[in-house]
Amino acid sequence: MTRYTHNFIETHEGLKGFGWDRETDENTVICYLQMFSDDELMQKLRNRLTDAELEEIYFLINRLLRSHLNDGEYHRLFLKEAHP
């Protein structure tokens, strides 16, 4: 069973650029994150990222998750598991 999806990048036909308006910025960030997390790209980048860069990515994602999701949302949406 596939738990994670990256459908937005496959179907989005709008502009990908930053600084135009809020909706375009939001859509662009979604596209960039989905493109960035592509398995083939990550296989290439993982050994090239410095320890500091890995830490920066990890802590940025965790900070955003803690800031914007409650515990139940974190488990359901990020971990894809039932909240205890």
N, C-alpha and C. Protein backbone atom coordinates (compact mmCIF):
# COMPACT_ATOMS: atom_id res chain seq x y z
N MET A 1 0.84 -1.18 0.00
CA MET A 1 0.00 0.00 0.00
C MET A 1 0.88 1.25 0.00
N THR A 2 0.68 2.13 -0.93
CA THR A 2 1.39 3.39 -0.98
C THR A 2 0.72 4.37 -0.02
N ARG A 3 1.52 4.93 0.87
CA ARG A 3 0.98 5.86 1.85
C ARG A 3 1.19 7.32 1.45
N TYR A 4 2.26 7.60 0.74
CA TYR A 4 2.60 8.98 0.41
C TYR A 4 2.32 9.24 -1.06
N THR A 5 1.92 10.46 -1.36
CA THR A 5 1.60 10.82 -2.75
C THR A 5 2.35 12.09 -3.14
N HIS A 6 2.57 12.22 -4.41
CA HIS A 6 3.15 13.43 -4.98
C HIS A 6 2.38 13.76 -6.26
N ASN A 7 1.09 13.88 -6.15
CA ASN A 7 0.25 14.10 -7.33
C ASN A 7 0.22 15.54 -7.80
N PHE A 8 0.42 16.49 -6.90
CA PHE A 8 0.28 17.89 -7.27
C PHE A 8 1.22 18.26 -8.41
N ILE A 9 2.47 17.89 -8.29
CA ILE A 9 3.46 18.23 -9.31
C ILE A 9 3.11 17.61 -10.66
N GLU A 10 2.45 16.47 -10.63
CA GLU A 10 2.09 15.77 -11.86
C GLU A 10 0.90 16.40 -12.57
N THR A 11 0.09 17.14 -11.84
CA THR A 11 -1.14 17.69 -12.43
C THR A 11 -1.17 19.21 -12.51
N HIS A 12 -0.31 19.88 -11.77
CA HIS A 12 -0.33 21.35 -11.73
C HIS A 12 0.14 21.92 -13.08
N GLU A 13 -0.69 22.77 -13.64
CA GLU A 13 -0.37 23.37 -14.94
C GLU A 13 -0.11 24.86 -14.85
N GLY A 14 -0.20 25.40 -13.67
CA GLY A 14 -0.02 26.84 -13.51
C GLY A 14 1.45 27.23 -13.46
N LEU A 15 1.65 28.50 -13.29
CA LEU A 15 2.98 29.09 -13.22
C LEU A 15 3.75 28.55 -12.02
N LYS A 16 5.01 28.29 -12.22
CA LYS A 16 5.92 27.94 -11.13
C LYS A 16 6.93 29.08 -11.03
N GLY A 17 6.76 29.91 -10.06
CA GLY A 17 7.63 31.04 -9.84
C GLY A 17 7.32 31.64 -8.49
N PHE A 18 8.23 32.38 -7.94
CA PHE A 18 8.03 32.91 -6.60
C PHE A 18 8.00 34.43 -6.63
N GLY A 19 7.09 35.00 -5.86
CA GLY A 19 7.01 36.44 -5.74
C GLY A 19 5.90 37.08 -6.55
N TRP A 20 5.11 36.28 -7.22
CA TRP A 20 4.01 36.84 -8.03
C TRP A 20 2.81 37.18 -7.16
N ASP A 21 2.30 36.17 -6.46
CA ASP A 21 1.17 36.33 -5.56
C ASP A 21 1.16 35.13 -4.62
N ARG A 22 0.36 35.18 -3.59
CA ARG A 22 0.36 34.14 -2.56
C ARG A 22 0.03 32.76 -3.14
N GLU A 23 -0.99 32.66 -3.99
CA GLU A 23 -1.39 31.36 -4.54
C GLU A 23 -0.26 30.76 -5.40
N THR A 24 0.37 31.56 -6.24
CA THR A 24 1.47 31.06 -7.06
C THR A 24 2.64 30.65 -6.17
N ASP A 25 2.93 31.44 -5.13
CA ASP A 25 4.00 31.08 -4.20
C ASP A 25 3.71 29.74 -3.52
N GLU A 26 2.48 29.57 -3.03
CA GLU A 26 2.10 28.31 -2.38
C GLU A 26 2.26 27.13 -3.34
N ASN A 27 1.73 27.28 -4.54
CA ASN A 27 1.81 26.20 -5.54
C ASN A 27 3.26 25.89 -5.92
N THR A 28 4.07 26.93 -6.02
CA THR A 28 5.48 26.74 -6.37
C THR A 28 6.22 25.99 -5.27
N VAL A 29 5.94 26.33 -4.01
CA VAL A 29 6.59 25.64 -2.90
C VAL A 29 6.19 24.16 -2.90
N ILE A 30 4.92 23.87 -3.14
CA ILE A 30 4.48 22.47 -3.22
C ILE A 30 5.23 21.75 -4.34
N CYS A 31 5.30 22.37 -5.50
CA CYS A 31 6.01 21.75 -6.63
C CYS A 31 7.48 21.53 -6.30
N TYR A 32 8.13 22.53 -5.75
CA TYR A 32 9.56 22.40 -5.42
C TYR A 32 9.81 21.30 -4.40
N LEU A 33 8.96 21.23 -3.38
CA LEU A 33 9.14 20.19 -2.37
C LEU A 33 8.93 18.80 -2.95
N GLN A 34 7.91 18.66 -3.80
CA GLN A 34 7.67 17.36 -4.41
C GLN A 34 8.77 17.00 -5.40
N MET A 35 9.26 17.95 -6.14
CA MET A 35 10.38 17.69 -7.06
C MET A 35 11.64 17.37 -6.26
N PHE A 36 11.87 18.10 -5.17
CA PHE A 36 13.06 17.91 -4.35
C PHE A 36 13.08 16.52 -3.71
N SER A 37 11.93 16.02 -3.33
CA SER A 37 11.87 14.73 -2.64
C SER A 37 11.80 13.55 -3.60
N ASP A 38 11.93 13.78 -4.87
CA ASP A 38 11.95 12.70 -5.86
C ASP A 38 13.05 11.69 -5.50
N ASP A 39 12.73 10.42 -5.55
CA ASP A 39 13.69 9.37 -5.15
C ASP A 39 15.00 9.45 -5.91
N GLU A 40 14.95 9.63 -7.21
CA GLU A 40 16.19 9.65 -8.00
C GLU A 40 17.06 10.85 -7.63
N LEU A 41 16.44 12.01 -7.46
CA LEU A 41 17.18 13.20 -7.07
C LEU A 41 17.78 13.03 -5.68
N MET A 42 17.01 12.50 -4.75
CA MET A 42 17.51 12.32 -3.38
C MET A 42 18.66 11.33 -3.34
N GLN A 43 18.61 10.29 -4.15
CA GLN A 43 19.73 9.34 -4.21
C GLN A 43 21.01 10.04 -4.64
N LYS A 44 20.90 10.98 -5.55
CA LYS A 44 22.07 11.73 -6.03
C LYS A 44 22.54 12.73 -4.98
N LEU A 45 21.61 13.43 -4.33
CA LEU A 45 21.97 14.49 -3.39
C LEU A 45 22.41 14.00 -2.02
N ARG A 46 21.87 12.88 -1.58
CA ARG A 46 22.07 12.46 -0.18
C ARG A 46 23.52 12.40 0.24
N ASN A 47 24.39 11.93 -0.61
CA ASN A 47 25.80 11.84 -0.26
C ASN A 47 26.57 13.14 -0.52
N ARG A 48 25.94 14.06 -1.22
CA ARG A 48 26.59 15.33 -1.52
C ARG A 48 26.25 16.42 -0.50
N LEU A 49 25.16 16.24 0.22
CA LEU A 49 24.78 17.22 1.23
C LEU A 49 25.72 17.11 2.41
N THR A 50 26.12 18.25 2.93
CA THR A 50 26.99 18.26 4.11
C THR A 50 26.16 17.88 5.34
N ASP A 51 26.85 17.56 6.41
CA ASP A 51 26.15 17.29 7.67
C ASP A 51 25.31 18.49 8.08
N ALA A 52 25.85 19.67 7.91
CA ALA A 52 25.13 20.89 8.27
C ALA A 52 23.88 21.07 7.40
N GLU A 53 23.98 20.76 6.12
CA GLU A 53 22.82 20.88 5.22
C GLU A 53 21.74 19.86 5.58
N LEU A 54 22.14 18.64 5.88
CA LEU A 54 21.17 17.63 6.32
C LEU A 54 20.46 18.09 7.58
N GLU A 55 21.23 18.61 8.53
CA GLU A 55 20.65 19.10 9.77
C GLU A 55 19.70 20.26 9.52
N GLU A 56 20.10 21.17 8.65
CA GLU A 56 19.26 22.32 8.33
C GLU A 56 17.92 21.90 7.75
N ILE A 57 17.94 20.97 6.82
CA ILE A 57 16.70 20.47 6.22
C ILE A 57 15.83 19.79 7.28
N TYR A 58 16.44 18.91 8.05
CA TYR A 58 15.71 18.17 9.09
C TYR A 58 15.05 19.12 10.08
N PHE A 59 15.82 20.08 10.60
CA PHE A 59 15.27 20.98 11.61
C PHE A 59 14.26 21.97 11.04
N LEU A 60 14.41 22.39 9.79
CA LEU A 60 13.41 23.25 9.16
C LEU A 60 12.07 22.52 9.06
N ILE A 61 12.11 21.29 8.56
CA ILE A 61 10.88 20.52 8.42
C ILE A 61 10.23 20.30 9.78
N ASN A 62 11.02 19.91 10.77
CA ASN A 62 10.46 19.68 12.10
C ASN A 62 9.89 20.95 12.72
N ARG A 63 10.57 22.07 12.52
CA ARG A 63 10.05 23.35 13.06
C ARG A 63 8.71 23.69 12.43
N LEU A 64 8.60 23.52 11.12
CA LEU A 64 7.35 23.82 10.43
C LEU A 64 6.22 22.88 10.86
N LEU A 65 6.54 21.61 11.00
CA LEU A 65 5.53 20.65 11.44
C LEU A 65 5.04 20.99 12.85
N ARG A 66 5.96 21.28 13.76
CA ARG A 66 5.58 21.62 15.14
C ARG A 66 4.78 22.92 15.20
N SER A 67 5.10 23.85 14.31
CA SER A 67 4.42 25.16 14.33
C SER A 67 3.02 25.12 13.75
N HIS A 68 2.77 24.21 12.83
CA HIS A 68 1.53 24.28 12.08
C HIS A 68 0.61 23.07 12.19
N LEU A 69 1.06 22.01 12.85
CA LEU A 69 0.21 20.83 13.02
C LEU A 69 0.06 20.51 14.50
N ASN A 70 -1.15 20.09 14.86
CA ASN A 70 -1.30 19.56 16.22
C ASN A 70 -0.84 18.10 16.20
N ASP A 71 -0.82 17.48 17.37
CA ASP A 71 -0.28 16.13 17.50
C ASP A 71 -1.02 15.13 16.61
N GLY A 72 -2.34 15.20 16.60
CA GLY A 72 -3.13 14.29 15.77
C GLY A 72 -2.86 14.48 14.28
N GLU A 73 -2.78 15.73 13.84
CA GLU A 73 -2.47 16.01 12.43
C GLU A 73 -1.08 15.51 12.06
N TYR A 74 -0.13 15.69 12.97
CA TYR A 74 1.23 15.23 12.72
C TYR A 74 1.25 13.72 12.47
N HIS A 75 0.57 12.98 13.33
CA HIS A 75 0.54 11.52 13.17
C HIS A 75 -0.24 11.11 11.92
N ARG A 76 -1.37 11.72 11.69
CA ARG A 76 -2.23 11.34 10.56
C ARG A 76 -1.65 11.78 9.23
N LEU A 77 -1.18 13.03 9.14
CA LEU A 77 -0.78 13.59 7.86
C LEU A 77 0.69 13.37 7.51
N PHE A 78 1.56 13.45 8.50
CA PHE A 78 3.00 13.31 8.24
C PHE A 78 3.45 11.86 8.41
N LEU A 79 3.14 11.27 9.55
CA LEU A 79 3.58 9.90 9.80
C LEU A 79 2.67 8.86 9.13
N LYS A 80 1.47 9.28 8.75
CA LYS A 80 0.49 8.38 8.11
C LYS A 80 0.16 7.21 9.02
N GLU A 81 -0.10 7.54 10.28
CA GLU A 81 -0.47 6.51 11.24
C GLU A 81 -1.58 7.03 12.12
N ALA A 82 -2.29 6.11 12.73
CA ALA A 82 -3.35 6.51 13.66
C ALA A 82 -2.72 7.12 14.89
N HIS A 83 -3.33 8.18 15.36
CA HIS A 83 -2.84 8.83 16.58
C HIS A 83 -3.27 8.01 17.78
N PRO A 84 -2.32 7.70 18.65
CA PRO A 84 -2.66 6.85 19.82
C PRO A 84 -3.69 7.49 20.74
